[in-house]
Amino acid sequence: MSETFSLGGDLTVNRLGYGAMRLTGEGIWGYPADRDNAIAVLRRVVELGVNFIDTADSYGPHINEELIRQALHPYADDLVIATKGGLLRTGPDEWPVLGKPAYLRQAVETSLRRLGVERIDLYQLHRVDPDYPLEDQVGELHKLQEEGKIRHIGLSEVDVDQVKAAQAVAPIVSVQNLYNLANRGHEAVLEYATEQGITFIPWFPVATGELARPGGVLDAAAKEHGATPAQLALAWLLRKSPVVLPIPGTSSIAHLEENVAAARIELTDEEFEKLSALA
């Protein structure tokens, strides 16, 4: 497993986590087709030394959190489970935003029960709801933090100004944005997170798209390492900034093991620069 870092100053996590979203039905709706496999994947996650698992109340909805409890409770002392709230589910692939403070409080309370914990290690605002002041949404999470129900607060899909506005209300320890080798639209957020020591959790981290075409730089580097393009994409993220915590997700034990192995790949300076120049 890769090196560790301190999330929020008091939680030591290995720098490659696991995103549990795929352990649901099609459209991130309902139970997975094979529940036993989902349980087996989650147990293999911790066997491999991964000690950061990311979920949300909207995955299923609710089912993802329930599966994590079924598979792993009582939790190992070093296992950090991060969840999120602020999205409703009205059907497969439908994700309406709701950041009403009273709803966020309800979401935290129900996630606590589903996960079987007294305090959530990292609770992330899944999306900022434009219908309510950001300060009120983060402020409600801060109240829950002061009540001992949340250890740390994170954000998801935000820009730098939103992070700064949230920081004025409560300590923010993480940001989870779409970011990968092929899509670097949130470069400014990553730079700010690096400056601030905020954990940056890139979702969809192994996306390579056209960059993985046969004979290209990524393909050649992967062959050089005896690795896959997806593994190289993860290795690149780990090298990109010391605050990056990728959370590749899969419902396959074989793919899980492949992803975790990426933490052992060390890119040369030249390889890193060549991959960085791709997008």
C-alpha atoms as a PDB file:
ATOM      1  CA  MET A   1       0.000   0.000   0.000  1.00  0.00           C
ATOM      2  CA  SER A   2       1.114   3.558  -0.737  1.00  0.00           C
ATOM      3  CA  GLU A   3       2.297   6.105   1.785  1.00  0.00           C
ATOM      4  CA  THR A   4      -0.116   7.556   4.315  1.00  0.00           C
ATOM      5  CA  PHE A   5      -1.159  11.055   5.195  1.00  0.00           C
ATOM      6  CA  SER A   6      -3.218  12.696   7.883  1.00  0.00           C
ATOM      7  CA  LEU A   7      -6.824  13.527   6.990  1.00  0.00           C
ATOM      8  CA  GLY A   8      -7.967  16.477   9.056  1.00  0.00           C
ATOM      9  CA  GLY A   9      -4.850  16.234  11.186  1.00  0.00           C
ATOM     10  CA  ASP A  10      -5.966  13.197  13.175  1.00  0.00           C
ATOM     11  CA  LEU A  11      -6.969  10.363  10.815  1.00  0.00           C
ATOM     12  CA  THR A  12      -4.133   8.411   9.207  1.00  0.00           C
ATOM     13  CA  VAL A  13      -5.233   7.020   5.846  1.00  0.00           C
ATOM     14  CA  ASN A  14      -3.451   5.182   3.087  1.00  0.00           C
ATOM     15  CA  ARG A  15      -3.298   7.346  -0.025  1.00  0.00           C
ATOM     16  CA  LEU A  16      -5.412   5.033  -2.169  1.00  0.00           C
ATOM     17  CA  GLY A  17      -9.009   4.727  -1.063  1.00  0.00           C
ATOM     18  CA  TYR A  18     -12.094   2.954  -2.385  1.00  0.00           C
ATOM     19  CA  GLY A  19     -15.256   4.488  -3.823  1.00  0.00           C
ATOM     20  CA  ALA A  20     -18.213   2.215  -3.042  1.00  0.00           C
ATOM     21  CA  MET A  21     -20.782   3.787  -5.397  1.00  0.00           C
ATOM     22  CA  ARG A  22     -20.648   0.950  -7.947  1.00  0.00           C
ATOM     23  CA  LEU A  23     -21.916  -1.546  -5.383  1.00  0.00           C
ATOM     24  CA  THR A  24     -25.506  -0.710  -6.286  1.00  0.00           C
ATOM     25  CA  GLY A  25     -27.911  -1.524  -9.102  1.00  0.00           C
ATOM     26  CA  GLU A  26     -27.971   0.023 -12.558  1.00  0.00           C
ATOM     27  CA  GLY A  27     -28.252   3.810 -12.506  1.00  0.00           C
ATOM     28  CA  ILE A  28     -26.866   3.705  -8.936  1.00  0.00           C
ATOM     29  CA  TRP A  29     -30.350   2.563  -7.971  1.00  0.00           C
ATOM     30  CA  GLY A  30     -31.421  -0.391  -5.872  1.00  0.00           C
ATOM     31  CA  TYR A  31     -29.415  -3.387  -4.750  1.00  0.00           C
ATOM     32  CA  PRO A  32     -26.495  -4.754  -6.763  1.00  0.00           C
ATOM     33  CA  ALA A  33     -27.300  -7.781  -8.911  1.00  0.00           C
ATOM     34  CA  ASP A  34     -25.038  -9.904  -6.692  1.00  0.00           C
ATOM     35  CA  ARG A  35     -25.176  -8.843  -3.048  1.00  0.00           C
ATOM     36  CA  ASP A  36     -22.776 -11.559  -1.912  1.00  0.00           C
ATOM     37  CA  ASN A  37     -20.192 -10.236  -4.367  1.00  0.00           C
ATOM     38  CA  ALA A  38     -20.652  -6.699  -3.043  1.00  0.00           C
ATOM     39  CA  ILE A  39     -20.004  -7.913   0.507  1.00  0.00           C
ATOM     40  CA  ALA A  40     -16.953  -9.869  -0.689  1.00  0.00           C
ATOM     41  CA  VAL A  41     -15.545  -6.806  -2.492  1.00  0.00           C
ATOM     42  CA  LEU A  42     -15.881  -4.623   0.611  1.00  0.00           C
ATOM     43  CA  ARG A  43     -14.171  -7.216   2.779  1.00  0.00           C
ATOM     44  CA  ARG A  44     -11.377  -7.569   0.228  1.00  0.00           C
ATOM     45  CA  VAL A  45     -10.935  -3.782   0.270  1.00  0.00           C
ATOM     46  CA  VAL A  46      -9.853  -3.816   3.910  1.00  0.00           C
ATOM     47  CA  GLU A  47      -7.863  -7.041   3.496  1.00  0.00           C
ATOM     48  CA  LEU A  48      -5.745  -5.206   0.899  1.00  0.00           C
ATOM     49  CA  GLY A  49      -4.931  -2.452   3.381  1.00  0.00           C
ATOM     50  CA  VAL A  50      -7.319   0.193   2.071  1.00  0.00           C
ATOM     51  CA  ASN A  51      -8.611   2.114   5.071  1.00  0.00           C
ATOM     52  CA  PHE A  52     -10.614   4.921   3.445  1.00  0.00           C
ATOM     53  CA  ILE A  53     -14.036   4.081   1.979  1.00  0.00           C
ATOM     54  CA  ASP A  54     -16.205   6.735   0.334  1.00  0.00           C
ATOM     55  CA  THR A  55     -19.992   6.401   0.089  1.00  0.00           C
ATOM     56  CA  ALA A  56     -23.135   8.603   0.157  1.00  0.00           C
ATOM     57  CA  ASP A  57     -26.706   8.322   1.352  1.00  0.00           C
ATOM     58  CA  SER A  58     -27.833   8.790  -2.263  1.00  0.00           C
ATOM     59  CA  TYR A  59     -26.079   5.648  -3.537  1.00  0.00           C
ATOM     60  CA  GLY A  60     -28.954   3.205  -3.839  1.00  0.00           C
ATOM     61  CA  PRO A  61     -30.299   5.356  -2.154  1.00  0.00           C
ATOM     62  CA  HIS A  62     -29.261   4.209   1.351  1.00  0.00           C
ATOM     63  CA  ILE A  63     -28.281   0.727   0.148  1.00  0.00           C
ATOM     64  CA  ASN A  64     -24.569   1.466  -0.176  1.00  0.00           C
ATOM     65  CA  GLU A  65     -24.268   2.547   3.454  1.00  0.00           C
ATOM     66  CA  GLU A  66     -26.255  -0.496   4.583  1.00  0.00           C
ATOM     67  CA  LEU A  67     -23.984  -2.862   2.631  1.00  0.00           C
ATOM     68  CA  ILE A  68     -20.885  -1.299   4.204  1.00  0.00           C
ATOM     69  CA  ARG A  69     -22.292  -1.915   7.668  1.00  0.00           C
ATOM     70  CA  GLN A  70     -23.330  -5.460   6.771  1.00  0.00           C
ATOM     71  CA  ALA A  71     -19.875  -6.266   5.390  1.00  0.00           C
ATOM     72  CA  LEU A  72     -17.578  -4.491   7.834  1.00  0.00           C
ATOM     73  CA  HIS A  73     -19.294  -3.680  11.142  1.00  0.00           C
ATOM     74  CA  PRO A  74     -17.853  -3.648  13.779  1.00  0.00           C
ATOM     75  CA  TYR A  75     -15.296  -1.534  11.974  1.00  0.00           C
ATOM     76  CA  ALA A  76     -11.522  -1.783  12.353  1.00  0.00           C
ATOM     77  CA  ASP A  77     -10.110   1.045  14.470  1.00  0.00           C
ATOM     78  CA  ASP A  78      -8.180   2.512  11.539  1.00  0.00           C
ATOM     79  CA  LEU A  79     -11.017   2.346   8.972  1.00  0.00           C
ATOM     80  CA  VAL A  80     -12.277   5.772   7.895  1.00  0.00           C
ATOM     81  CA  ILE A  81     -15.733   5.815   6.320  1.00  0.00           C
ATOM     82  CA  ALA A  82     -16.682   9.012   4.528  1.00  0.00           C
ATOM     83  CA  THR A  83     -20.253   9.655   3.451  1.00  0.00           C
ATOM     84  CA  LYS A  84     -22.142  12.503   1.809  1.00  0.00           C
ATOM     85  CA  GLY A  85     -25.555  14.164   1.861  1.00  0.00           C
ATOM     86  CA  GLY A  86     -27.403  16.834  -0.074  1.00  0.00           C
ATOM     87  CA  LEU A  87     -28.780  14.892  -3.047  1.00  0.00           C
ATOM     88  CA  LEU A  88     -32.214  13.297  -3.347  1.00  0.00           C
ATOM     89  CA  ARG A  89     -33.007  10.295  -5.532  1.00  0.00           C
ATOM     90  CA  THR A  90     -36.181  10.166  -7.613  1.00  0.00           C
ATOM     91  CA  GLY A  91     -35.148   7.282  -9.891  1.00  0.00           C
ATOM     92  CA  PRO A  92     -32.173   5.692 -11.646  1.00  0.00           C
ATOM     93  CA  ASP A  93     -29.581   8.312 -12.661  1.00  0.00           C
ATOM     94  CA  GLU A  94     -31.729  11.129 -11.200  1.00  0.00           C
ATOM     95  CA  TRP A  95     -30.026  13.325  -8.600  1.00  0.00           C
ATOM     96  CA  PRO A  96     -31.996  16.431  -7.493  1.00  0.00           C
ATOM     97  CA  VAL A  97     -30.061  18.697  -5.115  1.00  0.00           C
ATOM     98  CA  LEU A  98     -31.441  19.564  -1.673  1.00  0.00           C
ATOM     99  CA  GLY A  99     -29.268  21.525   0.736  1.00  0.00           C
ATOM    100  CA  LYS A 100     -32.013  22.734   3.087  1.00  0.00           C
ATOM    101  CA  PRO A 101     -30.299  22.783   6.482  1.00  0.00           C
ATOM    102  CA  ALA A 102     -33.072  20.781   8.188  1.00  0.00           C
ATOM    103  CA  TYR A 103     -32.773  18.124   5.481  1.00  0.00           C
ATOM    104  CA  LEU A 104     -28.995  17.945   5.885  1.00  0.00           C
ATOM    105  CA  ARG A 105     -29.470  17.370   9.621  1.00  0.00           C
ATOM    106  CA  GLN A 106     -31.929  14.554   8.886  1.00  0.00           C
ATOM    107  CA  ALA A 107     -29.472  13.076   6.361  1.00  0.00           C
ATOM    108  CA  VAL A 108     -26.658  13.006   8.912  1.00  0.00           C
ATOM    109  CA  GLU A 109     -28.873  11.399  11.561  1.00  0.00           C
ATOM    110  CA  THR A 110     -30.023   8.640   9.210  1.00  0.00           C
ATOM    111  CA  SER A 111     -26.502   7.975   7.884  1.00  0.00           C
ATOM    112  CA  LEU A 112     -25.308   7.553  11.473  1.00  0.00           C
ATOM    113  CA  ARG A 113     -27.951   4.864  12.017  1.00  0.00           C
ATOM    114  CA  ARG A 114     -27.352   3.071   8.715  1.00  0.00           C
ATOM    115  CA  LEU A 115     -23.591   2.970   9.180  1.00  0.00           C
ATOM    116  CA  GLY A 116     -23.921   2.014  12.844  1.00  0.00           C
ATOM    117  CA  VAL A 117     -21.622   4.734  14.175  1.00  0.00           C
ATOM    118  CA  GLU A 118     -21.932   7.486  16.767  1.00  0.00           C
ATOM    119  CA  ARG A 119     -19.843   9.915  14.730  1.00  0.00           C
ATOM    120  CA  ILE A 120     -19.132  10.127  10.994  1.00  0.00           C
ATOM    121  CA  ASP A 121     -15.408  10.537  10.332  1.00  0.00           C
ATOM    122  CA  LEU A 122     -15.853  12.664   7.196  1.00  0.00           C
ATOM    123  CA  TYR A 123     -19.206  14.094   6.126  1.00  0.00           C
ATOM    124  CA  GLN A 124     -19.235  15.799   2.746  1.00  0.00           C
ATOM    125  CA  LEU A 125     -21.786  18.210   1.308  1.00  0.00           C
ATOM    126  CA  HIS A 126     -22.543  16.292  -1.895  1.00  0.00           C
ATOM    127  CA  ARG A 127     -23.502  19.400  -3.862  1.00  0.00           C
ATOM    128  CA  VAL A 128     -24.012  23.047  -2.997  1.00  0.00           C
ATOM    129  CA  ASP A 129     -27.716  23.864  -3.368  1.00  0.00           C
ATOM    130  CA  PRO A 130     -28.087  27.283  -5.055  1.00  0.00           C
ATOM    131  CA  ASP A 131     -31.485  27.736  -3.367  1.00  0.00           C
ATOM    132  CA  TYR A 132     -29.911  28.091   0.084  1.00  0.00           C
ATOM    133  CA  PRO A 133     -26.916  30.142   1.223  1.00  0.00           C
ATOM    134  CA  LEU A 134     -23.745  28.067   1.234  1.00  0.00           C
ATOM    135  CA  GLU A 135     -23.035  29.452   4.697  1.00  0.00           C
ATOM    136  CA  ASP A 136     -26.303  27.951   5.988  1.00  0.00           C
ATOM    137  CA  GLN A 137     -25.580  24.532   4.483  1.00  0.00           C
ATOM    138  CA  VAL A 138     -22.056  24.343   5.879  1.00  0.00           C
ATOM    139  CA  GLY A 139     -23.235  26.031   9.066  1.00  0.00           C
ATOM    140  CA  GLU A 140     -25.686  23.213   9.793  1.00  0.00           C
ATOM    141  CA  LEU A 141     -22.929  20.644   9.297  1.00  0.00           C
ATOM    142  CA  HIS A 142     -20.749  22.687  11.657  1.00  0.00           C
ATOM    143  CA  LYS A 143     -23.485  22.545  14.310  1.00  0.00           C
ATOM    144  CA  LEU A 144     -23.606  18.770  13.929  1.00  0.00           C
ATOM    145  CA  GLN A 145     -19.821  18.732  14.230  1.00  0.00           C
ATOM    146  CA  GLU A 146     -20.030  20.667  17.485  1.00  0.00           C
ATOM    147  CA  GLU A 147     -22.641  18.155  18.693  1.00  0.00           C
ATOM    148  CA  GLY A 148     -20.133  15.350  18.119  1.00  0.00           C
ATOM    149  CA  LYS A 149     -21.989  13.700  15.221  1.00  0.00           C
ATOM    150  CA  ILE A 150     -19.444  14.676  12.543  1.00  0.00           C
ATOM    151  CA  ARG A 151     -15.672  14.582  13.032  1.00  0.00           C
ATOM    152  CA  HIS A 152     -14.658  16.421   9.840  1.00  0.00           C
ATOM    153  CA  ILE A 153     -16.478  18.331   7.069  1.00  0.00           C
ATOM    154  CA  GLY A 154     -15.767  18.075   3.340  1.00  0.00           C
ATOM    155  CA  LEU A 155     -17.228  19.486   0.125  1.00  0.00           C
ATOM    156  CA  SER A 156     -17.916  18.045  -3.322  1.00  0.00           C
ATOM    157  CA  GLU A 157     -17.935  19.643  -6.780  1.00  0.00           C
ATOM    158  CA  VAL A 158     -16.990  23.143  -5.667  1.00  0.00           C
ATOM    159  CA  ASP A 159     -14.809  25.938  -6.982  1.00  0.00           C
ATOM    160  CA  VAL A 160     -12.121  27.814  -5.066  1.00  0.00           C
ATOM    161  CA  ASP A 161     -14.437  30.666  -4.039  1.00  0.00           C
ATOM    162  CA  GLN A 162     -16.918  28.184  -2.577  1.00  0.00           C
ATOM    163  CA  VAL A 163     -14.170  26.453  -0.619  1.00  0.00           C
ATOM    164  CA  LYS A 164     -13.056  29.805   0.793  1.00  0.00           C
ATOM    165  CA  ALA A 165     -16.647  30.751   1.693  1.00  0.00           C
ATOM    166  CA  ALA A 166     -17.108  27.419   3.465  1.00  0.00           C
ATOM    167  CA  GLN A 167     -13.796  27.829   5.318  1.00  0.00           C
ATOM    168  CA  ALA A 168     -15.121  31.073   6.784  1.00  0.00           C
ATOM    169  CA  VAL A 169     -17.892  29.019   8.453  1.00  0.00           C
ATOM    170  CA  ALA A 170     -16.144  25.792   9.478  1.00  0.00           C
ATOM    171  CA  PRO A 171     -12.836  23.923   9.059  1.00  0.00           C
ATOM    172  CA  ILE A 172     -12.895  22.148   5.671  1.00  0.00           C
ATOM    173  CA  VAL A 173     -10.591  19.124   5.448  1.00  0.00           C
ATOM    174  CA  SER A 174     -11.451  17.718   2.006  1.00  0.00           C
ATOM    175  CA  VAL A 175     -12.775  18.481  -1.453  1.00  0.00           C
ATOM    176  CA  GLN A 176     -14.100  15.789  -3.776  1.00  0.00           C
ATOM    177  CA  ASN A 177     -14.201  16.939  -7.410  1.00  0.00           C
ATOM    178  CA  LEU A 178     -14.117  15.288 -10.820  1.00  0.00           C
ATOM    179  CA  TYR A 179     -10.446  15.116 -11.782  1.00  0.00           C
ATOM    180  CA  ASN A 180      -8.283  12.657 -13.654  1.00  0.00           C
ATOM    181  CA  LEU A 181      -5.507  12.411 -16.238  1.00  0.00           C
ATOM    182  CA  ALA A 182      -7.941  13.198 -19.061  1.00  0.00           C
ATOM    183  CA  ASN A 183     -10.095  15.811 -17.279  1.00  0.00           C
ATOM    184  CA  ARG A 184      -8.325  18.530 -15.313  1.00  0.00           C
ATOM    185  CA  GLY A 185     -11.047  21.152 -15.148  1.00  0.00           C
ATOM    186  CA  HIS A 186     -10.539  21.570 -11.402  1.00  0.00           C
ATOM    187  CA  GLU A 187      -6.805  22.274 -11.536  1.00  0.00           C
ATOM    188  CA  ALA A 188      -7.267  25.528  -9.620  1.00  0.00           C
ATOM    189  CA  VAL A 189      -9.111  23.728  -6.821  1.00  0.00           C
ATOM    190  CA  LEU A 190      -6.355  21.116  -6.606  1.00  0.00           C
ATOM    191  CA  GLU A 191      -3.724  23.867  -6.402  1.00  0.00           C
ATOM    192  CA  TYR A 192      -5.650  25.618  -3.625  1.00  0.00           C
ATOM    193  CA  ALA A 193      -6.163  22.351  -1.751  1.00  0.00           C
ATOM    194  CA  THR A 194      -2.436  21.630  -1.991  1.00  0.00           C
ATOM    195  CA  GLU A 195      -1.594  25.095  -0.617  1.00  0.00           C
ATOM    196  CA  GLN A 196      -4.084  24.700   2.234  1.00  0.00           C
ATOM    197  CA  GLY A 197      -3.284  21.078   3.082  1.00  0.00           C
ATOM    198  CA  ILE A 198      -6.854  20.085   2.223  1.00  0.00           C
ATOM    199  CA  THR A 199      -7.308  16.489   1.068  1.00  0.00           C
ATOM    200  CA  PHE A 200      -8.315  16.403  -2.614  1.00  0.00           C
ATOM    201  CA  ILE A 201     -10.419  13.351  -3.503  1.00  0.00           C
ATOM    202  CA  PRO A 202     -10.670  12.972  -7.293  1.00  0.00           C
ATOM    203  CA  TRP A 203     -13.735  11.001  -8.315  1.00  0.00           C
ATOM    204  CA  PHE A 204     -13.723   9.039 -11.580  1.00  0.00           C
ATOM    205  CA  PRO A 205      -9.926   8.867 -11.131  1.00  0.00           C
ATOM    206  CA  VAL A 206      -9.048   6.165 -13.661  1.00  0.00           C
ATOM    207  CA  ALA A 207     -10.702   7.749 -16.691  1.00  0.00           C
ATOM    208  CA  THR A 208      -8.223   7.774 -19.565  1.00  0.00           C
ATOM    209  CA  GLY A 209     -10.434   8.065 -22.646  1.00  0.00           C
ATOM    210  CA  GLU A 210      -8.580   8.704 -25.866  1.00  0.00           C
ATOM    211  CA  LEU A 211      -5.310   9.071 -23.945  1.00  0.00           C
ATOM    212  CA  ALA A 212      -5.075   5.273 -23.683  1.00  0.00           C
ATOM    213  CA  ARG A 213      -5.104   4.697 -27.443  1.00  0.00           C
ATOM    214  CA  PRO A 214      -2.678   1.983 -28.610  1.00  0.00           C
ATOM    215  CA  GLY A 215       0.814   3.282 -29.284  1.00  0.00           C
ATOM    216  CA  GLY A 216       0.302   6.513 -27.341  1.00  0.00           C
ATOM    217  CA  VAL A 217       2.382   7.849 -24.435  1.00  0.00           C
ATOM    218  CA  LEU A 218       0.091   6.326 -21.794  1.00  0.00           C
ATOM    219  CA  ASP A 219      -0.009   2.958 -23.539  1.00  0.00           C
ATOM    220  CA  ALA A 220       3.783   2.930 -23.931  1.00  0.00           C
ATOM    221  CA  ALA A 221       4.399   3.898 -20.297  1.00  0.00           C
ATOM    222  CA  ALA A 222       1.942   1.238 -19.114  1.00  0.00           C
ATOM    223  CA  LYS A 223       3.764  -1.437 -21.117  1.00  0.00           C
ATOM    224  CA  GLU A 224       7.093  -0.219 -19.744  1.00  0.00           C
ATOM    225  CA  HIS A 225       5.822  -0.806 -16.200  1.00  0.00           C
ATOM    226  CA  GLY A 226       3.940  -4.009 -17.026  1.00  0.00           C
ATOM    227  CA  ALA A 227       0.828  -2.141 -15.945  1.00  0.00           C
ATOM    228  CA  THR A 228      -2.529  -1.051 -17.363  1.00  0.00           C
ATOM    229  CA  PRO A 229      -3.382   2.509 -18.480  1.00  0.00           C
ATOM    230  CA  ALA A 230      -5.779   2.748 -15.510  1.00  0.00           C
ATOM    231  CA  GLN A 231      -2.967   1.886 -13.107  1.00  0.00           C
ATOM    232  CA  LEU A 232      -0.751   4.534 -14.679  1.00  0.00           C
ATOM    233  CA  ALA A 233      -3.577   7.075 -14.375  1.00  0.00           C
ATOM    234  CA  LEU A 234      -3.745   6.340 -10.633  1.00  0.00           C
ATOM    235  CA  ALA A 235       0.034   6.474 -10.254  1.00  0.00           C
ATOM    236  CA  TRP A 236       0.001   9.869 -11.997  1.00  0.00           C
ATOM    237  CA  LEU A 237      -2.632  11.183  -9.575  1.00  0.00           C
ATOM    238  CA  LEU A 238      -0.648   9.990  -6.562  1.00  0.00           C
ATOM    239  CA  ARG A 239       2.417  11.784  -7.913  1.00  0.00           C
ATOM    240  CA  LYS A 240       0.509  14.944  -8.881  1.00  0.00           C
ATOM    241  CA  SER A 241       0.109  16.287  -5.333  1.00  0.00           C
ATOM    242  CA  PRO A 242       0.716  14.941  -1.832  1.00  0.00           C
ATOM    243  CA  VAL A 243      -2.873  15.801  -0.841  1.00  0.00           C
ATOM    244  CA  VAL A 244      -4.507  13.651  -3.553  1.00  0.00           C
ATOM    245  CA  LEU A 245      -6.503  10.646  -2.314  1.00  0.00           C
ATOM    246  CA  PRO A 246      -7.894   8.716  -5.316  1.00  0.00           C
ATOM    247  CA  ILE A 247     -10.945   6.524  -4.698  1.00  0.00           C
ATOM    248  CA  PRO A 248     -11.234   4.150  -7.668  1.00  0.00           C
ATOM    249  CA  GLY A 249     -14.448   2.159  -7.502  1.00  0.00           C
ATOM    250  CA  THR A 250     -15.307  -1.235  -8.901  1.00  0.00           C
ATOM    251  CA  SER A 251     -17.607  -4.186  -8.290  1.00  0.00           C
ATOM    252  CA  SER A 252     -14.878  -6.635  -9.344  1.00  0.00           C
ATOM    253  CA  ILE A 253     -12.333  -8.081  -6.923  1.00  0.00           C
ATOM    254  CA  ALA A 254      -9.859  -8.516  -9.798  1.00  0.00           C
ATOM    255  CA  HIS A 255     -10.143  -4.826 -10.748  1.00  0.00           C
ATOM    256  CA  LEU A 256      -9.919  -3.852  -7.084  1.00  0.00           C
ATOM    257  CA  GLU A 257      -6.644  -5.740  -6.699  1.00  0.00           C
ATOM    258  CA  GLU A 258      -5.363  -4.162  -9.924  1.00  0.00           C
ATOM    259  CA  ASN A 259      -6.215  -0.674  -8.675  1.00  0.00           C
ATOM    260  CA  VAL A 260      -4.552  -1.196  -5.310  1.00  0.00           C
ATOM    261  CA  ALA A 261      -1.406  -2.446  -7.053  1.00  0.00           C
ATOM    262  CA  ALA A 262      -1.135   0.957  -8.758  1.00  0.00           C
ATOM    263  CA  ALA A 263       0.033   2.418  -5.455  1.00  0.00           C
ATOM    264  CA  ARG A 264       3.325   0.552  -5.892  1.00  0.00           C
ATOM    265  CA  ILE A 265       4.105   2.087  -9.309  1.00  0.00           C
ATOM    266  CA  GLU A 266       6.713   4.823  -9.195  1.00  0.00           C
ATOM    267  CA  LEU A 267       6.850   7.107 -12.202  1.00  0.00           C
ATOM    268  CA  THR A 268      10.119   8.713 -13.243  1.00  0.00           C
ATOM    269  CA  ASP A 269      10.205  12.500 -13.555  1.00  0.00           C
ATOM    270  CA  GLU A 270      10.232  12.113 -17.336  1.00  0.00           C
ATOM    271  CA  GLU A 271       7.238   9.769 -17.359  1.00  0.00           C
ATOM    272  CA  PHE A 272       5.284  12.077 -15.064  1.00  0.00           C
ATOM    273  CA  GLU A 273       5.987  15.081 -17.282  1.00  0.00           C
ATOM    274  CA  LYS A 274       5.048  13.198 -20.444  1.00  0.00           C
ATOM    275  CA  LEU A 275       1.754  12.047 -18.925  1.00  0.00           C
ATOM    276  CA  SER A 276       1.064  15.532 -17.550  1.00  0.00           C
ATOM    277  CA  ALA A 277       1.460  16.949 -21.061  1.00  0.00           C
ATOM    278  CA  LEU A 278      -1.183  14.654 -22.524  1.00  0.00           C
ATOM    279  CA  ALA A 279      -4.283  16.671 -21.682  1.00  0.00           C
END
